[in-house]
Protein backbone atom coordinates (compact mmCIF):
# COMPACT_ATOMS: atom_id res chain seq x y z
CA MET A 1 6.13 -26.77 51.37
CA LEU A 2 6.66 -26.64 55.09
CA LYS A 3 10.23 -26.77 56.32
CA HIS A 4 10.50 -28.43 59.74
CA CYS A 5 12.36 -26.38 62.34
CA GLY A 6 11.99 -28.65 65.35
CA LEU A 7 10.21 -28.16 68.67
CA PHE A 8 10.31 -24.61 69.96
CA PRO A 9 10.73 -24.80 73.77
CA VAL A 10 8.48 -21.98 74.93
CA GLY A 11 8.48 -23.31 78.47
CA THR A 12 4.98 -24.18 78.63
CA ASP A 13 -3.44 -21.21 69.42
CA MET A 14 -5.87 -23.60 69.13
CA MET A 15 -3.43 -21.63 67.12
CA ARG A 16 -3.40 -17.93 67.59
CA ARG A 17 -6.19 -17.04 65.23
CA LEU A 18 -8.90 -19.62 64.52
CA LEU A 19 -8.75 -17.07 65.69
CA TRP A 20 -7.01 -15.45 66.10
CA LEU A 21 -7.76 -18.59 65.25
CA SER A 22 -6.57 -15.23 67.55
CA CYS A 23 -8.99 -14.40 68.51
CA GLY A 24 -9.45 -12.31 71.59
CA LEU A 25 -5.77 -12.56 70.66
CA CYS A 26 -6.23 -9.81 68.06
CA LEU A 27 -6.38 -7.01 70.63
CA VAL A 28 -5.03 -3.62 69.56
CA PHE A 29 -2.63 -2.34 72.19
CA SER A 30 -2.22 1.35 73.07
CA ALA A 31 1.10 3.16 73.11
CA TYR A 32 3.50 2.53 75.97
CA ALA A 33 7.06 3.43 74.99
CA ARG A 34 10.28 1.60 75.89
CA ALA A 35 13.94 2.24 75.19
CA ASP A 36 13.71 0.40 71.83
CA ASN A 37 11.11 3.00 70.75
CA LEU A 38 8.47 0.36 70.03
CA SER A 39 5.16 1.05 71.70
CA ALA A 40 2.69 -1.66 72.64
CA ASP A 41 0.65 -0.55 69.65
CA ASP A 42 3.66 -1.01 67.34
CA ILE A 43 4.35 -4.51 68.64
CA ALA A 44 0.72 -5.58 68.39
CA ARG A 45 0.45 -4.41 64.78
CA LYS A 46 3.61 -6.30 63.86
CA MET A 47 2.29 -9.42 65.62
CA LEU A 48 -0.96 -9.31 63.67
CA ARG A 49 0.82 -8.72 60.36
CA SER A 50 3.07 -11.73 60.93
CA ASP A 51 0.10 -14.03 60.16
CA ALA A 52 1.90 -16.79 62.04
CA PHE A 53 -0.70 -19.36 61.13
CA GLY A 54 -0.35 -18.67 57.43
CA TRP A 55 -4.07 -19.12 56.85
CA GLU A 56 -4.73 -16.01 54.78
CA GLY A 57 -4.96 -16.74 51.05
CA ALA A 58 -4.67 -20.46 51.67
CA LYS A 59 -6.39 -23.79 52.21
CA THR A 60 -5.09 -25.33 55.42
CA ARG A 61 -5.56 -28.75 56.98
CA ILE A 62 -5.45 -29.07 60.76
CA ARG A 63 -5.62 -32.04 63.11
CA MET A 64 -7.28 -31.19 66.43
CA ALA A 65 -6.90 -33.38 69.52
CA LEU A 66 -9.24 -32.98 72.50
CA VAL A 67 -7.43 -34.28 75.60
CA GLU A 68 -9.27 -35.18 78.81
CA PRO A 69 -7.58 -34.74 82.23
CA ASP A 70 -7.03 -38.53 82.35
CA GLY A 71 -5.23 -38.45 78.99
CA LYS A 72 -8.03 -39.83 76.81
CA ARG A 73 -7.97 -38.28 73.35
CA LYS A 74 -10.44 -37.54 70.58
CA GLU A 75 -9.11 -36.40 67.22
CA ARG A 76 -10.83 -34.22 64.67
CA HIS A 77 -9.72 -33.15 61.20
CA MET A 78 -10.47 -29.77 59.67
CA GLU A 79 -9.96 -27.92 56.42
CA ILE A 80 -9.80 -24.13 56.61
CA LEU A 81 -10.15 -21.49 53.90
CA GLY A 82 -8.92 -18.03 54.84
CA ARG A 83 -8.59 -14.69 53.09
CA ARG A 84 -8.75 -10.93 53.61
CA GLN A 85 -11.40 -8.94 51.80
CA ASP A 86 -11.04 -5.15 51.98
CA GLY A 87 -8.66 -5.71 54.87
CA LEU A 88 -11.11 -7.85 56.87
CA LEU A 89 -10.55 -11.51 57.71
CA GLN A 90 -12.94 -14.15 56.36
CA THR A 91 -12.63 -17.77 57.47
CA VAL A 92 -14.44 -21.02 56.69
CA VAL A 93 -13.78 -24.16 58.75
CA ARG A 94 -15.05 -27.54 57.52
CA PHE A 95 -14.79 -30.69 59.67
CA LEU A 96 -13.70 -33.70 57.63
CA GLY A 97 -13.88 -36.30 60.40
CA PRO A 98 -14.67 -38.29 62.41
CA GLN A 99 -17.85 -39.44 60.72
CA ASP A 100 -20.27 -38.15 63.37
CA ILE A 101 -19.25 -34.50 62.73
CA ALA A 102 -18.03 -34.68 59.11
CA GLY A 103 -19.57 -31.89 57.06
CA THR A 104 -20.12 -29.56 60.01
CA ALA A 105 -18.88 -26.12 59.00
CA PHE A 106 -18.21 -22.70 60.54
CA LEU A 107 -18.04 -19.26 58.90
CA MET A 108 -16.63 -16.04 60.39
CA LEU A 109 -16.88 -12.69 58.62
CA GLU A 110 -15.00 -9.85 60.30
CA LYS A 111 -16.70 -6.44 60.23
CA GLN A 112 -15.35 -2.90 60.26
CA ASN A 113 -16.39 -2.22 63.87
CA GLY A 114 -14.28 -5.12 65.14
CA ALA A 115 -17.19 -7.50 65.63
CA SER A 116 -17.79 -10.56 63.49
CA GLU A 117 -20.70 -12.44 62.03
CA GLN A 118 -20.46 -16.14 62.85
CA TYR A 119 -22.48 -19.02 61.39
CA ILE A 120 -22.42 -22.76 61.93
CA TYR A 121 -23.82 -25.51 59.72
CA LEU A 122 -24.71 -28.66 61.66
CA SER A 123 -24.50 -31.57 59.25
CA GLY A 124 -26.64 -33.82 61.43
CA LEU A 125 -29.51 -31.29 61.44
CA LYS A 126 -28.82 -30.07 57.89
CA ARG A 127 -29.30 -26.43 58.79
CA THR A 128 -27.26 -23.27 59.21
CA ARG A 129 -27.75 -20.82 62.05
CA ARG A 130 -26.06 -17.65 63.21
CA ILE A 131 -24.18 -17.65 66.53
CA VAL A 132 -25.19 -14.65 68.61
CA GLY A 133 -25.17 -13.33 72.18
CA ARG A 134 -24.12 -15.68 74.94
CA GLU A 135 -23.83 -18.54 72.45
CA GLN A 136 -20.45 -17.07 71.54
CA GLU A 137 -19.19 -17.95 75.01
CA GLY A 138 -19.78 -21.65 74.31
CA SER A 139 -17.17 -24.21 73.33
CA PHE A 140 -16.21 -24.46 69.67
CA MET A 141 -16.96 -28.09 68.77
CA GLY A 142 -15.98 -29.41 72.21
CA SER A 143 -12.59 -27.70 72.20
CA ASP A 144 -11.06 -25.30 74.73
CA PHE A 145 -11.71 -22.41 72.35
CA SER A 146 -14.92 -20.45 72.48
CA TYR A 147 -16.58 -18.84 69.48
CA ALA A 148 -15.73 -15.48 71.04
CA ASP A 149 -12.02 -16.40 71.02
CA MET A 150 -12.09 -16.26 67.23
CA GLN A 151 -13.06 -12.64 66.78
CA ARG A 152 -11.36 -9.30 67.23
CA ILE A 153 -12.06 -7.25 70.35
CA ASP A 154 -12.47 -3.56 69.59
CA ALA A 155 -9.74 -1.38 71.11
CA LYS A 156 -12.32 0.78 72.87
CA TYR A 157 -12.97 -2.11 75.27
CA ALA A 158 -9.37 -2.39 76.50
CA THR A 159 -6.86 -0.49 78.62
CA ASN A 160 -3.53 -1.79 77.41
CA LYS A 161 0.16 -1.49 78.20
CA ARG A 162 3.53 -2.96 77.49
CA LEU A 163 5.09 -4.75 80.47
CA ALA A 164 8.79 -5.32 81.11
CA ASP A 165 10.53 -7.46 78.49
CA GLU A 166 11.34 -11.03 79.48
CA ASP A 167 13.43 -14.02 78.48
CA LEU A 168 11.22 -17.02 77.71
CA SER A 169 13.26 -20.23 77.77
CA GLY A 170 16.22 -18.39 76.27
CA THR A 171 14.18 -16.35 73.80
CA PRO A 172 13.81 -12.55 74.21
CA VAL A 173 10.14 -11.54 74.22
CA TYR A 174 7.93 -8.50 74.55
CA VAL A 175 5.08 -8.80 77.07
CA LEU A 176 1.76 -7.10 76.28
CA GLU A 177 -1.16 -6.85 78.69
CA ALA A 178 -4.77 -5.87 77.94
CA THR A 179 -7.27 -5.18 80.72
CA LEU A 180 -10.82 -5.34 79.36
CA THR A 181 -13.60 -2.98 80.36
CA LYS A 182 -16.70 -4.24 82.16
CA ASP A 183 -18.85 -3.83 79.04
CA ALA A 184 -16.42 -5.64 76.73
CA PRO A 185 -18.02 -8.52 74.75
CA SER A 186 -15.79 -11.08 76.45
CA ASN A 187 -15.64 -13.27 79.55
CA TYR A 188 -12.01 -12.30 80.05
CA GLY A 189 -10.88 -9.55 82.36
CA LYS A 190 -7.25 -9.55 81.23
CA VAL A 191 -5.15 -11.05 78.43
CA THR A 192 -1.34 -11.22 78.56
CA THR A 193 0.75 -12.15 75.49
CA TRP A 194 4.46 -13.01 75.16
CA VAL A 195 5.72 -12.00 71.69
CA ARG A 196 9.02 -13.19 70.22
CA LYS A 197 11.20 -10.17 69.39
CA SER A 198 12.85 -11.65 66.31
CA ASP A 199 9.66 -12.07 64.26
CA TYR A 200 6.72 -10.94 66.46
CA LEU A 201 5.22 -14.41 66.85
CA ALA A 202 2.96 -14.86 69.88
CA LEU A 203 4.60 -17.67 71.88
CA ARG A 204 2.29 -17.72 74.88
CA THR A 205 -1.02 -16.07 75.81
CA LYS A 206 -2.73 -16.20 79.20
CA PHE A 207 -6.46 -15.49 79.59
CA PHE A 208 -7.77 -14.36 82.99
CA ASP A 209 -11.43 -14.27 84.03
CA ARG A 210 -13.26 -11.25 85.46
CA GLN A 211 -12.18 -12.20 89.00
CA GLY A 212 -8.51 -12.28 87.99
CA ALA A 213 -8.11 -16.08 88.02
CA LEU A 214 -6.22 -17.78 85.21
CA GLU A 215 -8.71 -19.39 82.85
CA LYS A 216 -6.72 -20.65 79.86
CA THR A 217 -3.23 -20.57 78.40
CA LEU A 218 -2.35 -20.83 74.71
CA TYR A 219 1.13 -22.12 73.87
CA THR A 220 3.04 -22.16 70.59
CA ARG A 221 4.67 -25.60 70.62
CA ARG A 222 6.41 -25.81 67.24
CA ILE A 223 7.31 -23.31 64.53
CA ASP A 224 7.97 -24.34 60.93
CA LYS A 225 8.63 -22.27 57.82
CA LEU A 226 6.47 -21.66 54.78
CA GLU A 227 8.25 -20.00 51.87
CA GLY A 228 10.87 -18.77 54.32
CA LYS A 229 8.28 -17.33 56.70
CA PRO A 230 7.71 -18.74 60.23
CA VAL A 231 4.31 -20.33 60.83
CA VAL A 232 2.88 -22.03 63.89
CA ALA A 233 2.83 -25.79 63.25
CA GLU A 234 1.69 -26.96 66.69
CA ALA A 235 -0.23 -25.17 69.41
CA LEU A 236 -1.81 -26.12 72.72
CA MET A 237 -4.67 -24.52 74.65
CA GLN A 238 -4.91 -25.58 78.30
CA ASN A 239 -7.92 -24.88 80.48
CA ALA A 240 -6.65 -24.12 83.99
CA LYS A 241 -10.05 -24.76 85.57
CA THR A 242 -11.19 -28.01 83.89
CA LYS A 243 -7.69 -29.38 83.17
CA HIS A 244 -8.94 -30.21 79.66
CA SER A 245 -6.71 -29.24 76.72
CA THR A 246 -6.83 -28.91 72.95
CA GLU A 247 -3.92 -29.57 70.61
CA LEU A 248 -3.66 -28.22 67.07
CA HIS A 249 -1.33 -29.76 64.50
CA LEU A 250 -0.75 -28.17 61.10
CA GLU A 251 -0.79 -30.88 58.41
CA SER A 252 -0.64 -28.87 55.18
CA ILE A 253 -1.00 -25.42 53.64
CA GLU A 254 -1.93 -24.91 50.00
CA ARG A 255 -1.61 -21.32 48.81
CA ASN A 256 -4.64 -19.95 46.94
CA ASP A 257 -4.96 -16.19 46.46
CA ALA A 258 -8.06 -16.52 44.26
CA LEU A 259 -10.59 -17.99 46.66
CA PRO A 260 -14.09 -17.24 45.32
CA ASP A 261 -16.51 -14.88 47.06
CA ALA A 262 -19.17 -17.59 46.94
CA ALA A 263 -17.16 -19.78 49.33
CA PHE A 264 -17.57 -17.24 52.15
CA THR A 265 -21.34 -17.16 52.53
CA PRO A 266 -23.70 -18.96 54.96
CA THR A 267 -25.31 -20.78 52.01
CA ALA A 268 -21.95 -22.20 50.92
CA LEU A 269 -21.51 -24.01 54.23
CA GLU A 270 -24.02 -26.63 53.12
CA HIS A 271 -22.37 -27.30 49.76
CA TRP A 272 -18.60 -26.98 50.16
């Protein structure tokens, strides 16, 4: 059961790994020592292990709100299955509503080289197709997350460092910065993440385009607890260019450490 902890005022991840949902948010940072003896690599590993969304070995329900610049909202409801197989993340997302997208499903299978296979089942067309190439730069179901945001970026594509620690609305944080190479499979040129020192939760992540302009910002808006462990209960992604935003609200988590292999296949998307 989730224990409510109240709004976390981060001053500002879709939840981090829908990613993480995240996500170009799963960058592996290289060593850059500080007086506390934690390198950027150390902090990044701890951040990833925190599993702040609690989606691994679980069935999760999420409410997504798409918010236009004028405040108009569209809500969508999702159910997510997540697990690790041989250390690699596997995720299935099924849209439950509204009616026009109900049954649409998404599958991501992480691979050893850091890339992922991604598939989408379009309920209206009754067919499954793989998402490849520049399609991954497109919007995920009208949200401010792209398909590319949901997969790991291999460390070879980044020059990373730990910046000076900060205080974020009264909370001590580490600040990690990744500058991506020109041949990286991403539209971003730089990603900066603010990580809470007490439990290594990512509280804020800024995504910059190849020209150095801010493109999007992901905020952690509320943190709850699941079995004594902090999990992100509300997150907000804001697009700095379009002024559109996407809210994510955690509605429930049901632990299940015995999810079947058959649920994580392209064929299963049509029958879940």
